[in-house]
């Protein structure tokens, strides 16, 4: 699962968002996309989505637990859809109804597992 991060995004810390900043524009999203795996999809410029596959349910749940731990540490929580051998991760900053740098930071951190 581990992917090599291309930049220091994984070393950054998510900043609390109360909705007082604008969502990223398409051009900004395109720049941040260069810093994470191409396996992440951008949906309607408001959400990042990636599917992760695993060999069994235990590996699936171990991954979910790792994501939960980092999400709690960062104070930024993805939507997770869990099934046997698969997890779909969706990132969006709900307070601004779009993407923020936090979404890309968390994506980069998830890639380090």
PDB file of N, CA and C in Angstrom:
ATOM      1  N   UNK A   1       0.807  -1.186   0.000  1.00  0.00           N
ATOM      2  CA  UNK A   1       0.000   0.000   0.000  1.00  0.00           C
ATOM      3  C   UNK A   1       0.853   1.254   0.000  1.00  0.00           C
ATOM      4  N   UNK A   2       1.991   1.185   0.649  1.00  0.00           N
ATOM      5  CA  UNK A   2       2.817   2.361   0.825  1.00  0.00           C
ATOM      6  C   UNK A   2       3.260   2.941  -0.515  1.00  0.00           C
ATOM      7  N   UNK A   3       3.059   4.241  -0.665  1.00  0.00           N
ATOM      8  CA  UNK A   3       3.490   4.951  -1.864  1.00  0.00           C
ATOM      9  C   UNK A   3       4.474   6.013  -1.423  1.00  0.00           C
ATOM     10  N   UNK A   4       5.445   6.282  -2.229  1.00  0.00           N
ATOM     11  CA  UNK A   4       6.409   7.302  -1.874  1.00  0.00           C
ATOM     12  C   UNK A   4       5.810   8.680  -2.119  1.00  0.00           C
ATOM     13  N   UNK A   5       5.825   9.529  -1.091  1.00  0.00           N
ATOM     14  CA  UNK A   5       5.299  10.875  -1.265  1.00  0.00           C
ATOM     15  C   UNK A   5       6.319  11.714  -2.025  1.00  0.00           C
ATOM     16  N   UNK A   6       5.814  12.612  -2.817  1.00  0.00           N
ATOM     17  CA  UNK A   6       6.675  13.408  -3.685  1.00  0.00           C
ATOM     18  C   UNK A   6       7.113  14.711  -3.045  1.00  0.00           C
ATOM     19  N   UNK A   7       6.398  15.160  -2.045  1.00  0.00           N
ATOM     20  CA  UNK A   7       6.709  16.442  -1.411  1.00  0.00           C
ATOM     21  C   UNK A   7       6.594  16.314   0.083  1.00  0.00           C
ATOM     22  N   UNK A   8       6.625  17.433   0.744  1.00  0.00           N
ATOM     23  CA  UNK A   8       6.509  17.459   2.186  1.00  0.00           C
ATOM     24  C   UNK A   8       5.082  17.540   2.686  1.00  0.00           C
ATOM     25  N   UNK A   9       4.093  17.292   1.838  1.00  0.00           N
ATOM     26  CA  UNK A   9       2.697  17.365   2.288  1.00  0.00           C
ATOM     27  C   UNK A   9       2.462  16.454   3.488  1.00  0.00           C
ATOM     28  N   UNK A  10       3.040  15.270   3.473  1.00  0.00           N
ATOM     29  CA  UNK A  10       2.831  14.316   4.567  1.00  0.00           C
ATOM     30  C   UNK A  10       3.442  14.810   5.878  1.00  0.00           C
ATOM     31  N   UNK A  11       4.354  15.759   5.816  1.00  0.00           N
ATOM     32  CA  UNK A  11       4.964  16.306   7.028  1.00  0.00           C
ATOM     33  C   UNK A  11       4.193  17.515   7.558  1.00  0.00           C
ATOM     34  N   UNK A  12       3.284  18.041   6.764  1.00  0.00           N
ATOM     35  CA  UNK A  12       2.496  19.197   7.196  1.00  0.00           C
ATOM     36  C   UNK A  12       1.409  18.760   8.161  1.00  0.00           C
ATOM     37  N   UNK A  13       0.820  19.713   8.843  1.00  0.00           N
ATOM     38  CA  UNK A  13      -0.251  19.481   9.806  1.00  0.00           C
ATOM     39  C   UNK A  13      -1.515  20.146   9.274  1.00  0.00           C
ATOM     40  N   UNK A  14      -2.636  19.464   9.404  1.00  0.00           N
ATOM     41  CA  UNK A  14      -3.924  20.054   9.015  1.00  0.00           C
ATOM     42  C   UNK A  14      -4.239  21.233   9.930  1.00  0.00           C
ATOM     43  N   UNK A  15      -4.834  22.248   9.350  1.00  0.00           N
ATOM     44  CA  UNK A  15      -5.207  23.446  10.084  1.00  0.00           C
ATOM     45  C   UNK A  15      -6.722  23.436  10.261  1.00  0.00           C
ATOM     46  N   UNK A  16      -7.211  23.672  11.486  1.00  0.00           N
ATOM     47  CA  UNK A  16      -8.666  23.681  11.684  1.00  0.00           C
ATOM     48  C   UNK A  16      -9.353  24.629  10.714  1.00  0.00           C
ATOM     49  N   UNK A  17     -10.455  24.189  10.158  1.00  0.00           N
ATOM     50  CA  UNK A  17     -11.196  24.990   9.189  1.00  0.00           C
ATOM     51  C   UNK A  17     -12.617  25.189   9.709  1.00  0.00           C
ATOM     52  N   UNK A  18     -12.970  26.424   9.932  1.00  0.00           N
ATOM     53  CA  UNK A  18     -14.312  26.755  10.419  1.00  0.00           C
ATOM     54  C   UNK A  18     -15.188  27.287   9.290  1.00  0.00           C
ATOM     55  N   UNK A  19     -14.715  27.176   8.051  1.00  0.00           N
ATOM     56  CA  UNK A  19     -15.496  27.668   6.931  1.00  0.00           C
ATOM     57  C   UNK A  19     -15.160  29.097   6.564  1.00  0.00           C
ATOM     58  N   UNK A  20     -14.100  29.625   7.153  1.00  0.00           N
ATOM     59  CA  UNK A  20     -13.742  31.015   6.911  1.00  0.00           C
ATOM     60  C   UNK A  20     -12.723  31.200   5.791  1.00  0.00           C
ATOM     61  N   UNK A  21     -12.496  30.161   5.019  1.00  0.00           N
ATOM     62  CA  UNK A  21     -11.596  30.244   3.862  1.00  0.00           C
ATOM     63  C   UNK A  21     -12.330  29.702   2.636  1.00  0.00           C
ATOM     64  N   UNK A  22     -11.971  30.192   1.464  1.00  0.00           N
ATOM     65  CA  UNK A  22     -12.629  29.665   0.263  1.00  0.00           C
ATOM     66  C   UNK A  22     -12.091  28.283  -0.103  1.00  0.00           C
ATOM     67  N   UNK A  23     -12.913  27.508  -0.775  1.00  0.00           N
ATOM     68  CA  UNK A  23     -12.462  26.219  -1.308  1.00  0.00           C
ATOM     69  C   UNK A  23     -11.407  26.474  -2.374  1.00  0.00           C
ATOM     70  N   UNK A  24     -10.544  25.490  -2.581  1.00  0.00           N
ATOM     71  CA  UNK A  24      -9.509  25.618  -3.606  1.00  0.00           C
ATOM     72  C   UNK A  24     -10.140  25.746  -4.994  1.00  0.00           C
ATOM     73  N   UNK A  25      -9.512  26.581  -5.805  1.00  0.00           N
ATOM     74  CA  UNK A  25      -9.929  26.716  -7.203  1.00  0.00           C
ATOM     75  C   UNK A  25      -9.301  25.582  -8.015  1.00  0.00           C
ATOM     76  N   UNK A  26      -9.835  25.333  -9.188  1.00  0.00           N
ATOM     77  CA  UNK A  26      -9.361  24.243 -10.044  1.00  0.00           C
ATOM     78  C   UNK A  26      -7.849  24.299 -10.252  1.00  0.00           C
ATOM     79  N   UNK A  27      -7.314  25.482 -10.484  1.00  0.00           N
ATOM     80  CA  UNK A  27      -5.870  25.630 -10.721  1.00  0.00           C
ATOM     81  C   UNK A  27      -5.070  25.202  -9.490  1.00  0.00           C
ATOM     82  N   UNK A  28      -5.557  25.561  -8.316  1.00  0.00           N
ATOM     83  CA  UNK A  28      -4.875  25.172  -7.071  1.00  0.00           C
ATOM     84  C   UNK A  28      -4.979  23.667  -6.856  1.00  0.00           C
ATOM     85  N   UNK A  29      -6.146  23.099  -7.148  1.00  0.00           N
ATOM     86  CA  UNK A  29      -6.339  21.651  -7.042  1.00  0.00           C
ATOM     87  C   UNK A  29      -5.364  20.935  -7.964  1.00  0.00           C
ATOM     88  N   UNK A  30      -5.233  21.426  -9.190  1.00  0.00           N
ATOM     89  CA  UNK A  30      -4.315  20.810 -10.156  1.00  0.00           C
ATOM     90  C   UNK A  30      -2.876  20.819  -9.643  1.00  0.00           C
ATOM     91  N   UNK A  31      -2.477  21.877  -8.965  1.00  0.00           N
ATOM     92  CA  UNK A  31      -1.119  21.957  -8.411  1.00  0.00           C
ATOM     93  C   UNK A  31      -0.938  20.948  -7.277  1.00  0.00           C
ATOM     94  N   UNK A  32      -1.894  20.879  -6.365  1.00  0.00           N
ATOM     95  CA  UNK A  32      -1.802  19.925  -5.255  1.00  0.00           C
ATOM     96  C   UNK A  32      -1.843  18.490  -5.762  1.00  0.00           C
ATOM     97  N   UNK A  33      -2.598  18.232  -6.811  1.00  0.00           N
ATOM     98  CA  UNK A  33      -2.682  16.856  -7.362  1.00  0.00           C
ATOM     99  C   UNK A  33      -1.318  16.337  -7.771  1.00  0.00           C
ATOM    100  N   UNK A  34      -0.438  17.209  -8.206  1.00  0.00           N
ATOM    101  CA  UNK A  34       0.908  16.809  -8.612  1.00  0.00           C
ATOM    102  C   UNK A  34       1.699  16.247  -7.433  1.00  0.00           C
ATOM    103  N   UNK A  35       1.244  16.541  -6.219  1.00  0.00           N
ATOM    104  CA  UNK A  35       1.988  16.170  -5.024  1.00  0.00           C
ATOM    105  C   UNK A  35       1.503  14.878  -4.365  1.00  0.00           C
ATOM    106  N   UNK A  36       0.460  14.272  -4.930  1.00  0.00           N
ATOM    107  CA  UNK A  36      -0.048  13.000  -4.400  1.00  0.00           C
ATOM    108  C   UNK A  36      -0.135  11.984  -5.539  1.00  0.00           C
ATOM    109  N   UNK A  37      -0.395  10.756  -5.191  1.00  0.00           N
ATOM    110  CA  UNK A  37      -0.503   9.688  -6.189  1.00  0.00           C
ATOM    111  C   UNK A  37      -1.597   9.998  -7.202  1.00  0.00           C
ATOM    112  N   UNK A  38      -1.361   9.608  -8.434  1.00  0.00           N
ATOM    113  CA  UNK A  38      -2.346   9.768  -9.492  1.00  0.00           C
ATOM    114  C   UNK A  38      -3.559   8.868  -9.312  1.00  0.00           C
ATOM    115  N   UNK A  39      -3.521   7.989  -8.312  1.00  0.00           N
ATOM    116  CA  UNK A  39      -4.657   7.114  -8.046  1.00  0.00           C
ATOM    117  C   UNK A  39      -5.818   7.844  -7.367  1.00  0.00           C
ATOM    118  N   UNK A  40      -5.558   9.044  -6.868  1.00  0.00           N
ATOM    119  CA  UNK A  40      -6.633   9.853  -6.294  1.00  0.00           C
ATOM    120  C   UNK A  40      -7.390  10.533  -7.428  1.00  0.00           C
ATOM    121  N   UNK A  41      -8.710  10.431  -7.391  1.00  0.00           N
ATOM    122  CA  UNK A  41      -9.557  11.118  -8.364  1.00  0.00           C
ATOM    123  C   UNK A  41     -10.083  12.398  -7.727  1.00  0.00           C
ATOM    124  N   UNK A  42     -10.259  13.421  -8.545  1.00  0.00           N
ATOM    125  CA  UNK A  42     -10.936  14.624  -8.085  1.00  0.00           C
ATOM    126  C   UNK A  42     -12.336  14.592  -8.672  1.00  0.00           C
ATOM    127  N   UNK A  43     -13.338  14.651  -7.799  1.00  0.00           N
ATOM    128  CA  UNK A  43     -14.730  14.605  -8.232  1.00  0.00           C
ATOM    129  C   UNK A  43     -15.339  16.001  -8.158  1.00  0.00           C
ATOM    130  N   UNK A  44     -15.713  16.534  -9.301  1.00  0.00           N
ATOM    131  CA  UNK A  44     -16.374  17.846  -9.392  1.00  0.00           C
ATOM    132  C   UNK A  44     -15.634  18.964  -8.679  1.00  0.00           C
ATOM    133  N   UNK A  45     -14.330  18.853  -8.561  1.00  0.00           N
ATOM    134  CA  UNK A  45     -13.493  19.839  -7.870  1.00  0.00           C
ATOM    135  C   UNK A  45     -13.913  20.082  -6.424  1.00  0.00           C
ATOM    136  N   UNK A  46     -14.613  19.116  -5.815  1.00  0.00           N
ATOM    137  CA  UNK A  46     -15.023  19.271  -4.417  1.00  0.00           C
ATOM    138  C   UNK A  46     -14.653  18.079  -3.542  1.00  0.00           C
ATOM    139  N   UNK A  47     -14.112  17.021  -4.135  1.00  0.00           N
ATOM    140  CA  UNK A  47     -13.844  15.812  -3.357  1.00  0.00           C
ATOM    141  C   UNK A  47     -12.690  15.024  -3.965  1.00  0.00           C
ATOM    142  N   UNK A  48     -11.850  14.466  -3.094  1.00  0.00           N
ATOM    143  CA  UNK A  48     -10.817  13.515  -3.503  1.00  0.00           C
ATOM    144  C   UNK A  48     -11.331  12.122  -3.184  1.00  0.00           C
ATOM    145  N   UNK A  49     -11.084  11.175  -4.078  1.00  0.00           N
ATOM    146  CA  UNK A  49     -11.571   9.810  -3.876  1.00  0.00           C
ATOM    147  C   UNK A  49     -10.502   8.821  -4.330  1.00  0.00           C
ATOM    148  N   UNK A  50     -10.314   7.788  -3.523  1.00  0.00           N
ATOM    149  CA  UNK A  50      -9.384   6.724  -3.907  1.00  0.00           C
ATOM    150  C   UNK A  50      -9.880   5.405  -3.333  1.00  0.00           C
ATOM    151  N   UNK A  51      -9.704   4.355  -4.125  1.00  0.00           N
ATOM    152  CA  UNK A  51     -10.081   3.015  -3.717  1.00  0.00           C
ATOM    153  C   UNK A  51      -8.805   2.243  -3.369  1.00  0.00           C
ATOM    154  N   UNK A  52      -8.819   1.582  -2.231  1.00  0.00           N
ATOM    155  CA  UNK A  52      -7.700   0.758  -1.785  1.00  0.00           C
ATOM    156  C   UNK A  52      -8.172  -0.687  -1.709  1.00  0.00           C
ATOM    157  N   UNK A  53      -7.392  -1.617  -2.241  1.00  0.00           N
ATOM    158  CA  UNK A  53      -7.738  -3.037  -2.227  1.00  0.00           C
ATOM    159  C   UNK A  53      -6.810  -3.795  -1.282  1.00  0.00           C
ATOM    160  N   UNK A  54      -7.371  -4.812  -0.612  1.00  0.00           N
ATOM    161  CA  UNK A  54      -6.634  -5.597   0.371  1.00  0.00           C
ATOM    162  C   UNK A  54      -6.887  -7.084   0.156  1.00  0.00           C
ATOM    163  N   UNK A  55      -6.009  -7.902   0.713  1.00  0.00           N
ATOM    164  CA  UNK A  55      -6.100  -9.352   0.510  1.00  0.00           C
ATOM    165  C   UNK A  55      -7.167 -10.017   1.369  1.00  0.00           C
ATOM    166  N   UNK A  56      -7.528  -9.381   2.486  1.00  0.00           N
ATOM    167  CA  UNK A  56      -8.533  -9.984   3.356  1.00  0.00           C
ATOM    168  C   UNK A  56      -9.155  -8.908   4.245  1.00  0.00           C
ATOM    169  N   UNK A  57     -10.108  -9.322   5.026  1.00  0.00           N
ATOM    170  CA  UNK A  57     -10.836  -8.373   5.868  1.00  0.00           C
ATOM    171  C   UNK A  57      -9.952  -7.794   6.968  1.00  0.00           C
ATOM    172  N   UNK A  58      -9.092  -8.603   7.562  1.00  0.00           N
ATOM    173  CA  UNK A  58      -8.199  -8.125   8.621  1.00  0.00           C
ATOM    174  C   UNK A  58      -7.319  -6.977   8.102  1.00  0.00           C
ATOM    175  N   UNK A  59      -6.731  -7.147   6.923  1.00  0.00           N
ATOM    176  CA  UNK A  59      -5.894  -6.094   6.341  1.00  0.00           C
ATOM    177  C   UNK A  59      -6.724  -4.839   6.063  1.00  0.00           C
ATOM    178  N   UNK A  60      -7.950  -5.043   5.642  1.00  0.00           N
ATOM    179  CA  UNK A  60      -8.858  -3.922   5.378  1.00  0.00           C
ATOM    180  C   UNK A  60      -9.085  -3.121   6.656  1.00  0.00           C
ATOM    181  N   UNK A  61      -9.409  -3.810   7.722  1.00  0.00           N
ATOM    182  CA  UNK A  61      -9.709  -3.144   8.992  1.00  0.00           C
ATOM    183  C   UNK A  61      -8.453  -2.521   9.602  1.00  0.00           C
ATOM    184  N   UNK A  62      -7.310  -3.152   9.431  1.00  0.00           N
ATOM    185  CA  UNK A  62      -6.051  -2.553   9.904  1.00  0.00           C
ATOM    186  C   UNK A  62      -5.825  -1.205   9.225  1.00  0.00           C
ATOM    187  N   UNK A  63      -6.068  -1.147   7.918  1.00  0.00           N
ATOM    188  CA  UNK A  63      -5.923   0.105   7.177  1.00  0.00           C
ATOM    189  C   UNK A  63      -6.915   1.147   7.710  1.00  0.00           C
ATOM    190  N   UNK A  64      -8.161   0.754   7.879  1.00  0.00           N
ATOM    191  CA  UNK A  64      -9.180   1.677   8.395  1.00  0.00           C
ATOM    192  C   UNK A  64      -8.747   2.239   9.746  1.00  0.00           C
ATOM    193  N   UNK A  65      -8.208   1.393  10.602  1.00  0.00           N
ATOM    194  CA  UNK A  65      -7.753   1.854  11.913  1.00  0.00           C
ATOM    195  C   UNK A  65      -6.591   2.838  11.795  1.00  0.00           C
ATOM    196  N   UNK A  66      -5.688   2.603  10.858  1.00  0.00           N
ATOM    197  CA  UNK A  66      -4.587   3.549  10.640  1.00  0.00           C
ATOM    198  C   UNK A  66      -5.125   4.900  10.158  1.00  0.00           C
ATOM    199  N   UNK A  67      -6.087   4.860   9.235  1.00  0.00           N
ATOM    200  CA  UNK A  67      -6.688   6.102   8.741  1.00  0.00           C
ATOM    201  C   UNK A  67      -7.391   6.828   9.887  1.00  0.00           C
ATOM    202  N   UNK A  68      -8.115   6.087  10.715  1.00  0.00           N
ATOM    203  CA  UNK A  68      -8.823   6.693  11.845  1.00  0.00           C
ATOM    204  C   UNK A  68      -7.853   7.367  12.813  1.00  0.00           C
ATOM    205  N   UNK A  69      -6.737   6.726  13.065  1.00  0.00           N
ATOM    206  CA  UNK A  69      -5.741   7.295  13.979  1.00  0.00           C
ATOM    207  C   UNK A  69      -5.185   8.602  13.442  1.00  0.00           C
ATOM    208  N   UNK A  70      -4.784   8.606  12.187  1.00  0.00           N
ATOM    209  CA  UNK A  70      -4.209   9.837  11.617  1.00  0.00           C
ATOM    210  C   UNK A  70      -5.278  10.922  11.483  1.00  0.00           C
ATOM    211  N   UNK A  71      -6.512  10.538  11.166  1.00  0.00           N
ATOM    212  CA  UNK A  71      -7.602  11.512  11.052  1.00  0.00           C
ATOM    213  C   UNK A  71      -7.841  12.200  12.404  1.00  0.00           C
ATOM    214  N   UNK A  72      -7.825  11.423  13.474  1.00  0.00           N
ATOM    215  CA  UNK A  72      -7.995  12.001  14.807  1.00  0.00           C
ATOM    216  C   UNK A  72      -6.837  12.927  15.157  1.00  0.00           C
ATOM    217  N   UNK A  73      -5.611  12.497  14.846  1.00  0.00           N
ATOM    218  CA  UNK A  73      -4.433  13.332  15.124  1.00  0.00           C
ATOM    219  C   UNK A  73      -4.501  14.649  14.366  1.00  0.00           C
ATOM    220  N   UNK A  74      -4.998  14.598  13.143  1.00  0.00           N
ATOM    221  CA  UNK A  74      -5.048  15.791  12.286  1.00  0.00           C
ATOM    222  C   UNK A  74      -6.328  16.604  12.473  1.00  0.00           C
ATOM    223  N   UNK A  75      -7.335  16.018  13.096  1.00  0.00           N
ATOM    224  CA  UNK A  75      -8.602  16.728  13.246  1.00  0.00           C
ATOM    225  C   UNK A  75      -9.301  16.930  11.911  1.00  0.00           C
ATOM    226  N   UNK A  76      -9.046  16.018  10.989  1.00  0.00           N
ATOM    227  CA  UNK A  76      -9.643  16.101   9.642  1.00  0.00           C
ATOM    228  C   UNK A  76     -10.046  14.679   9.260  1.00  0.00           C
ATOM    229  N   UNK A  77     -11.331  14.472   9.037  1.00  0.00           N
ATOM    230  CA  UNK A  77     -11.864  13.123   8.949  1.00  0.00           C
ATOM    231  C   UNK A  77     -12.445  12.807   7.578  1.00  0.00           C
ATOM    232  N   UNK A  78     -11.947  11.753   6.940  1.00  0.00           N
ATOM    233  CA  UNK A  78     -12.485  11.348   5.634  1.00  0.00           C
ATOM    234  C   UNK A  78     -13.769  10.537   5.791  1.00  0.00           C
ATOM    235  N   UNK A  79     -14.486  10.409   4.714  1.00  0.00           N
ATOM    236  CA  UNK A  79     -15.593   9.462   4.647  1.00  0.00           C
ATOM    237  C   UNK A  79     -14.992   8.149   4.167  1.00  0.00           C
ATOM    238  N   UNK A  80     -15.350   7.061   4.837  1.00  0.00           N
ATOM    239  CA  UNK A  80     -14.826   5.741   4.494  1.00  0.00           C
ATOM    240  C   UNK A  80     -15.973   4.808   4.169  1.00  0.00           C
ATOM    241  N   UNK A  81     -15.835   4.090   3.074  1.00  0.00           N
ATOM    242  CA  UNK A  81     -16.781   3.033   2.726  1.00  0.00           C
ATOM    243  C   UNK A  81     -15.983   1.733   2.776  1.00  0.00           C
ATOM    244  N   UNK A  82     -16.358   0.853   3.709  1.00  0.00           N
ATOM    245  CA  UNK A  82     -15.586  -0.359   3.982  1.00  0.00           C
ATOM    246  C   UNK A  82     -16.362  -1.591   3.537  1.00  0.00           C
ATOM    247  N   UNK A  83     -15.693  -2.449   2.790  1.00  0.00           N
ATOM    248  CA  UNK A  83     -16.262  -3.740   2.430  1.00  0.00           C
ATOM    249  C   UNK A  83     -15.133  -4.759   2.444  1.00  0.00           C
ATOM    250  N   UNK A  84     -15.440  -6.018   2.213  1.00  0.00           N
ATOM    251  CA  UNK A  84     -14.420  -7.056   2.265  1.00  0.00           C
ATOM    252  C   UNK A  84     -13.324  -6.759   1.233  1.00  0.00           C
ATOM    253  N   UNK A  85     -12.112  -6.543   1.713  1.00  0.00           N
ATOM    254  CA  UNK A  85     -10.977  -6.344   0.831  1.00  0.00           C
ATOM    255  C   UNK A  85     -10.926  -5.009   0.117  1.00  0.00           C
ATOM    256  N   UNK A  86     -11.773  -4.060   0.522  1.00  0.00           N
ATOM    257  CA  UNK A  86     -11.765  -2.773  -0.177  1.00  0.00           C
ATOM    258  C   UNK A  86     -12.190  -1.647   0.765  1.00  0.00           C
ATOM    259  N   UNK A  87     -11.509  -0.500   0.619  1.00  0.00           N
ATOM    260  CA  UNK A  87     -11.897   0.722   1.319  1.00  0.00           C
ATOM    261  C   UNK A  87     -11.898   1.848   0.299  1.00  0.00           C
ATOM    262  N   UNK A  88     -12.982   2.594   0.272  1.00  0.00           N
ATOM    263  CA  UNK A  88     -13.039   3.805  -0.544  1.00  0.00           C
ATOM    264  C   UNK A  88     -12.893   4.973   0.420  1.00  0.00           C
ATOM    265  N   UNK A  89     -11.900   5.821   0.155  1.00  0.00           N
ATOM    266  CA  UNK A  89     -11.639   6.992   0.980  1.00  0.00           C
ATOM    267  C   UNK A  89     -12.065   8.218   0.189  1.00  0.00           C
ATOM    268  N   UNK A  90     -12.888   9.051   0.803  1.00  0.00           N
ATOM    269  CA  UNK A  90     -13.280  10.318   0.190  1.00  0.00           C
ATOM    270  C   UNK A  90     -12.935  11.442   1.145  1.00  0.00           C
ATOM    271  N   UNK A  91     -12.260  12.439   0.591  1.00  0.00           N
ATOM    272  CA  UNK A  91     -11.821  13.597   1.366  1.00  0.00           C
ATOM    273  C   UNK A  91     -12.463  14.852   0.815  1.00  0.00           C
ATOM    274  N   UNK A  92     -12.967  15.667   1.703  1.00  0.00           N
ATOM    275  CA  UNK A  92     -13.542  16.948   1.350  1.00  0.00           C
ATOM    276  C   UNK A  92     -13.600  17.755   2.639  1.00  0.00           C
ATOM    277  N   UNK A  93     -13.527  19.056   2.522  1.00  0.00           N
ATOM    278  CA  UNK A  93     -13.639  19.907   3.703  1.00  0.00           C
ATOM    279  C   UNK A  93     -15.081  20.381   3.781  1.00  0.00           C
ATOM    280  N   UNK A  94     -15.845  19.720   4.620  1.00  0.00           N
ATOM    281  CA  UNK A  94     -17.291  19.948   4.681  1.00  0.00           C
ATOM    282  C   UNK A  94     -17.642  21.397   5.008  1.00  0.00           C
ATOM    283  N   UNK A  95     -16.849  22.054   5.855  1.00  0.00           N
ATOM    284  CA  UNK A  95     -17.155  23.423   6.280  1.00  0.00           C
ATOM    285  C   UNK A  95     -17.131  24.411   5.111  1.00  0.00           C
ATOM    286  N   UNK A  96     -16.382  24.077   4.048  1.00  0.00           N
ATOM    287  CA  UNK A  96     -16.315  24.985   2.894  1.00  0.00           C
ATOM    288  C   UNK A  96     -16.928  24.366   1.649  1.00  0.00           C
ATOM    289  N   UNK A  97     -17.491  23.173   1.815  1.00  0.00           N
ATOM    290  CA  UNK A  97     -18.142  22.464   0.710  1.00  0.00           C
ATOM    291  C   UNK A  97     -17.228  22.338  -0.521  1.00  0.00           C
ATOM    292  N   UNK A  98     -15.995  21.959  -0.240  1.00  0.00           N
ATOM    293  CA  UNK A  98     -15.019  21.802  -1.312  1.00  0.00           C
ATOM    294  C   UNK A  98     -13.708  21.277  -0.769  1.00  0.00           C
ATOM    295  N   UNK A  99     -12.665  21.428  -1.555  1.00  0.00           N
ATOM    296  CA  UNK A  99     -11.342  20.945  -1.177  1.00  0.00           C
ATOM    297  C   UNK A  99     -10.503  22.053  -0.556  1.00  0.00           C
ATOM    298  N   UNK A 100      -9.696  21.655   0.423  1.00  0.00           N
ATOM    299  CA  UNK A 100      -8.723  22.558   1.036  1.00  0.00           C
ATOM    300  C   UNK A 100      -7.374  21.846   1.038  1.00  0.00           C
ATOM    301  N   UNK A 101      -6.349  22.551   1.423  1.00  0.00           N
ATOM    302  CA  UNK A 101      -5.028  21.925   1.526  1.00  0.00           C
ATOM    303  C   UNK A 101      -5.071  20.742   2.490  1.00  0.00           C
ATOM    304  N   UNK A 102      -5.916  20.815   3.522  1.00  0.00           N
ATOM    305  CA  UNK A 102      -6.027  19.711   4.485  1.00  0.00           C
ATOM    306  C   UNK A 102      -6.340  18.381   3.809  1.00  0.00           C
ATOM    307  N   UNK A 103      -7.179  18.415   2.785  1.00  0.00           N
ATOM    308  CA  UNK A 103      -7.544  17.179   2.091  1.00  0.00           C
ATOM    309  C   UNK A 103      -6.330  16.547   1.421  1.00  0.00           C
ATOM    310  N   UNK A 104      -5.480  17.365   0.863  1.00  0.00           N
ATOM    311  CA  UNK A 104      -4.278  16.862   0.204  1.00  0.00           C
ATOM    312  C   UNK A 104      -3.234  16.421   1.225  1.00  0.00           C
ATOM    313  N   UNK A 105      -3.161  17.119   2.354  1.00  0.00           N
ATOM    314  CA  UNK A 105      -2.256  16.700   3.428  1.00  0.00           C
ATOM    315  C   UNK A 105      -2.659  15.312   3.924  1.00  0.00           C
ATOM    316  N   UNK A 106      -3.950  15.128   4.194  1.00  0.00           N
ATOM    317  CA  UNK A 106      -4.398  13.825   4.677  1.00  0.00           C
ATOM    318  C   UNK A 106      -4.208  12.733   3.636  1.00  0.00           C
ATOM    319  N   UNK A 107      -4.451  13.041   2.362  1.00  0.00           N
ATOM    320  CA  UNK A 107      -4.216  12.068   1.290  1.00  0.00           C
ATOM    321  C   UNK A 107      -2.744  11.642   1.286  1.00  0.00           C
ATOM    322  N   UNK A 108      -1.847  12.608   1.413  1.00  0.00           N
ATOM    323  CA  UNK A 108      -0.412  12.292   1.424  1.00  0.00           C
ATOM    324  C   UNK A 108      -0.045  11.437   2.633  1.00  0.00           C
ATOM    325  N   UNK A 109      -0.637  11.728   3.782  1.00  0.00           N
ATOM    326  CA  UNK A 109      -0.361  10.934   4.980  1.00  0.00           C
ATOM    327  C   UNK A 109      -0.884   9.510   4.821  1.00  0.00           C
ATOM    328  N   UNK A 110      -2.065   9.351   4.230  1.00  0.00           N
ATOM    329  CA  UNK A 110      -2.631   8.023   4.005  1.00  0.00           C
ATOM    330  C   UNK A 110      -1.727   7.222   3.090  1.00  0.00           C
ATOM    331  N   UNK A 111      -1.093   7.855   2.125  1.00  0.00           N
ATOM    332  CA  UNK A 111      -0.193   7.168   1.195  1.00  0.00           C
ATOM    333  C   UNK A 111       1.025   6.587   1.883  1.00  0.00           C
ATOM    334  N   UNK A 112       1.343   7.050   3.079  1.00  0.00           N
ATOM    335  CA  UNK A 112       2.552   6.561   3.762  1.00  0.00           C
ATOM    336  C   UNK A 112       2.329   5.247   4.492  1.00  0.00           C
ATOM    337  N   UNK A 113       1.096   4.754   4.586  1.00  0.00           N
ATOM    338  CA  UNK A 113       0.805   3.500   5.285  1.00  0.00           C
ATOM    339  C   UNK A 113       1.313   2.336   4.481  1.00  0.00           C
TER     340      UNK A 113
END
